Amino acid sequence: MKTLPVARLQAREAHVEALRALAHLTRLQIFFFLVRAGREVPAGEIQAELEIPGPTLSHHLDLLRRAGLLQSRKEERFIYYSVRPETVSELVRLLTACC
């Protein structure tokens, strides 16, 4: 059986930042919650669901957003967060390329 060559993916600094952001239990819980939600979620709903104090949640959401894993949108006095699927897909491809 002939095997096809795996496309050569190279890790970039953006990948390192994304993985670094996920290497914290609270941020991983936030990320998983948003992945499962599959929609934009207001910060207050994330806070209520995960029982994280507001300032702590803001800090973690900002780190996830700056790492390229989340996107945010402000509407009136609410900020909505969602996962950036293109970034997540790229990370998954990178991590599974050698498997």
C-alpha atoms as a PDB file:
ATOM      1  CA  MET A   1       0.000   0.000   0.000  1.00  0.00           C
ATOM      2  CA  LYS A   2       1.368   3.389  -0.992  1.00  0.00           C
ATOM      3  CA  THR A   3       1.259   6.092   1.669  1.00  0.00           C
ATOM      4  CA  LEU A   4       0.780   9.715   0.822  1.00  0.00           C
ATOM      5  CA  PRO A   5       3.325  12.210   2.145  1.00  0.00           C
ATOM      6  CA  VAL A   6       2.050  14.310   5.021  1.00  0.00           C
ATOM      7  CA  ALA A   7       1.953  18.003   4.231  1.00  0.00           C
ATOM      8  CA  ARG A   8       4.760  19.675   6.090  1.00  0.00           C
ATOM      9  CA  LEU A   9       3.308  21.887   8.787  1.00  0.00           C
ATOM     10  CA  GLN A  10       5.584  24.178  10.697  1.00  0.00           C
ATOM     11  CA  ALA A  11       4.982  25.488  14.182  1.00  0.00           C
ATOM     12  CA  ARG A  12       4.925  29.242  14.441  1.00  0.00           C
ATOM     13  CA  GLU A  13       5.091  31.613  17.386  1.00  0.00           C
ATOM     14  CA  ALA A  14       1.286  31.995  17.159  1.00  0.00           C
ATOM     15  CA  HIS A  15       0.914  28.263  17.838  1.00  0.00           C
ATOM     16  CA  VAL A  16       3.156  28.543  20.874  1.00  0.00           C
ATOM     17  CA  GLU A  17       1.060  31.426  22.231  1.00  0.00           C
ATOM     18  CA  ALA A  18      -2.180  29.509  21.707  1.00  0.00           C
ATOM     19  CA  LEU A  19      -0.852  26.403  23.435  1.00  0.00           C
ATOM     20  CA  ARG A  20       0.590  28.505  26.249  1.00  0.00           C
ATOM     21  CA  ALA A  21      -2.813  30.118  26.770  1.00  0.00           C
ATOM     22  CA  LEU A  22      -4.467  26.702  26.987  1.00  0.00           C
ATOM     23  CA  ALA A  23      -1.896  25.451  29.502  1.00  0.00           C
ATOM     24  CA  HIS A  24      -3.938  26.757  32.439  1.00  0.00           C
ATOM     25  CA  LEU A  25      -6.893  24.901  33.938  1.00  0.00           C
ATOM     26  CA  THR A  26      -9.248  27.882  34.110  1.00  0.00           C
ATOM     27  CA  ARG A  27      -8.530  28.971  30.534  1.00  0.00           C
ATOM     28  CA  LEU A  28      -8.937  25.394  29.327  1.00  0.00           C
ATOM     29  CA  GLN A  29     -12.323  25.201  31.086  1.00  0.00           C
ATOM     30  CA  ILE A  30     -13.404  28.498  29.481  1.00  0.00           C
ATOM     31  CA  PHE A  31     -12.241  27.300  26.073  1.00  0.00           C
ATOM     32  CA  PHE A  32     -14.026  23.941  26.387  1.00  0.00           C
ATOM     33  CA  PHE A  33     -17.209  25.686  27.539  1.00  0.00           C
ATOM     34  CA  LEU A  34     -17.176  27.943  24.464  1.00  0.00           C
ATOM     35  CA  VAL A  35     -16.399  25.050  22.114  1.00  0.00           C
ATOM     36  CA  ARG A  36     -19.355  23.090  23.514  1.00  0.00           C
ATOM     37  CA  ALA A  37     -21.608  26.149  23.334  1.00  0.00           C
ATOM     38  CA  GLY A  38     -20.925  26.496  19.604  1.00  0.00           C
ATOM     39  CA  ARG A  39     -22.140  30.096  19.617  1.00  0.00           C
ATOM     40  CA  GLU A  40     -21.340  33.550  20.918  1.00  0.00           C
ATOM     41  CA  VAL A  41     -21.693  33.629  24.696  1.00  0.00           C
ATOM     42  CA  PRO A  42     -21.883  36.766  26.834  1.00  0.00           C
ATOM     43  CA  ALA A  43     -19.175  37.065  29.489  1.00  0.00           C
ATOM     44  CA  GLY A  44     -21.808  37.028  32.243  1.00  0.00           C
ATOM     45  CA  GLU A  45     -23.049  33.626  31.122  1.00  0.00           C
ATOM     46  CA  ILE A  46     -19.513  32.235  31.118  1.00  0.00           C
ATOM     47  CA  GLN A  47     -18.991  33.664  34.590  1.00  0.00           C
ATOM     48  CA  ALA A  48     -22.223  32.179  35.927  1.00  0.00           C
ATOM     49  CA  GLU A  49     -21.613  28.762  34.390  1.00  0.00           C
ATOM     50  CA  LEU A  50     -17.995  28.400  35.478  1.00  0.00           C
ATOM     51  CA  GLU A  51     -18.286  30.381  38.730  1.00  0.00           C
ATOM     52  CA  ILE A  52     -15.221  32.523  38.042  1.00  0.00           C
ATOM     53  CA  PRO A  53     -14.938  36.001  39.607  1.00  0.00           C
ATOM     54  CA  GLY A  54     -15.426  38.777  37.045  1.00  0.00           C
ATOM     55  CA  PRO A  55     -11.919  40.274  37.092  1.00  0.00           C
ATOM     56  CA  THR A  56     -10.334  36.817  36.896  1.00  0.00           C
ATOM     57  CA  LEU A  57     -12.585  35.845  33.994  1.00  0.00           C
ATOM     58  CA  SER A  58     -11.756  39.071  32.135  1.00  0.00           C
ATOM     59  CA  HIS A  59      -8.052  38.371  32.522  1.00  0.00           C
ATOM     60  CA  HIS A  60      -8.350  34.822  31.167  1.00  0.00           C
ATOM     61  CA  LEU A  61     -10.671  35.810  28.309  1.00  0.00           C
ATOM     62  CA  ASP A  62      -8.229  38.529  27.273  1.00  0.00           C
ATOM     63  CA  LEU A  63      -5.311  36.069  27.231  1.00  0.00           C
ATOM     64  CA  LEU A  64      -7.311  33.585  25.134  1.00  0.00           C
ATOM     65  CA  ARG A  65      -8.353  36.364  22.744  1.00  0.00           C
ATOM     66  CA  ARG A  66      -4.799  37.704  22.376  1.00  0.00           C
ATOM     67  CA  ALA A  67      -3.590  34.143  21.723  1.00  0.00           C
ATOM     68  CA  GLY A  68      -5.985  33.978  18.759  1.00  0.00           C
ATOM     69  CA  LEU A  69      -8.257  31.302  20.224  1.00  0.00           C
ATOM     70  CA  LEU A  70     -11.283  33.524  20.862  1.00  0.00           C
ATOM     71  CA  GLN A  71     -12.957  36.424  19.192  1.00  0.00           C
ATOM     72  CA  SER A  72     -15.053  39.011  20.952  1.00  0.00           C
ATOM     73  CA  ARG A  73     -17.789  41.408  19.973  1.00  0.00           C
ATOM     74  CA  LYS A  74     -19.204  44.251  22.039  1.00  0.00           C
ATOM     75  CA  GLU A  75     -22.899  45.066  21.842  1.00  0.00           C
ATOM     76  CA  GLU A  76     -24.105  47.850  24.098  1.00  0.00           C
ATOM     77  CA  ARG A  77     -22.725  46.951  27.528  1.00  0.00           C
ATOM     78  CA  PHE A  78     -22.245  43.234  26.816  1.00  0.00           C
ATOM     79  CA  ILE A  79     -19.203  41.478  25.395  1.00  0.00           C
ATOM     80  CA  TYR A  80     -19.793  38.223  23.543  1.00  0.00           C
ATOM     81  CA  TYR A  81     -17.080  35.607  23.098  1.00  0.00           C
ATOM     82  CA  SER A  82     -16.768  32.719  20.678  1.00  0.00           C
ATOM     83  CA  VAL A  83     -14.072  30.329  19.504  1.00  0.00           C
ATOM     84  CA  ARG A  84     -12.116  31.169  16.367  1.00  0.00           C
ATOM     85  CA  PRO A  85     -12.640  27.885  14.490  1.00  0.00           C
ATOM     86  CA  GLU A  86      -9.892  28.529  11.930  1.00  0.00           C
ATOM     87  CA  THR A  87      -7.258  28.832  14.664  1.00  0.00           C
ATOM     88  CA  VAL A  88      -8.504  25.726  16.453  1.00  0.00           C
ATOM     89  CA  SER A  89      -8.525  23.714  13.213  1.00  0.00           C
ATOM     90  CA  GLU A  90      -4.982  24.812  12.435  1.00  0.00           C
ATOM     91  CA  LEU A  91      -3.800  23.735  15.905  1.00  0.00           C
ATOM     92  CA  VAL A  92      -5.482  20.353  15.571  1.00  0.00           C
ATOM     93  CA  ARG A  93      -3.873  19.793  12.157  1.00  0.00           C
ATOM     94  CA  LEU A  94      -0.497  20.755  13.563  1.00  0.00           C
ATOM     95  CA  LEU A  95      -0.794  18.461  16.572  1.00  0.00           C
ATOM     96  CA  THR A  96      -2.018  15.478  14.557  1.00  0.00           C
ATOM     97  CA  ALA A  97       0.289  15.847  11.549  1.00  0.00           C
ATOM     98  CA  CYS A  98       2.808  13.420  12.973  1.00  0.00           C
ATOM     99  CA  CYS A  99       0.307  10.795  14.129  1.00  0.00           C
END
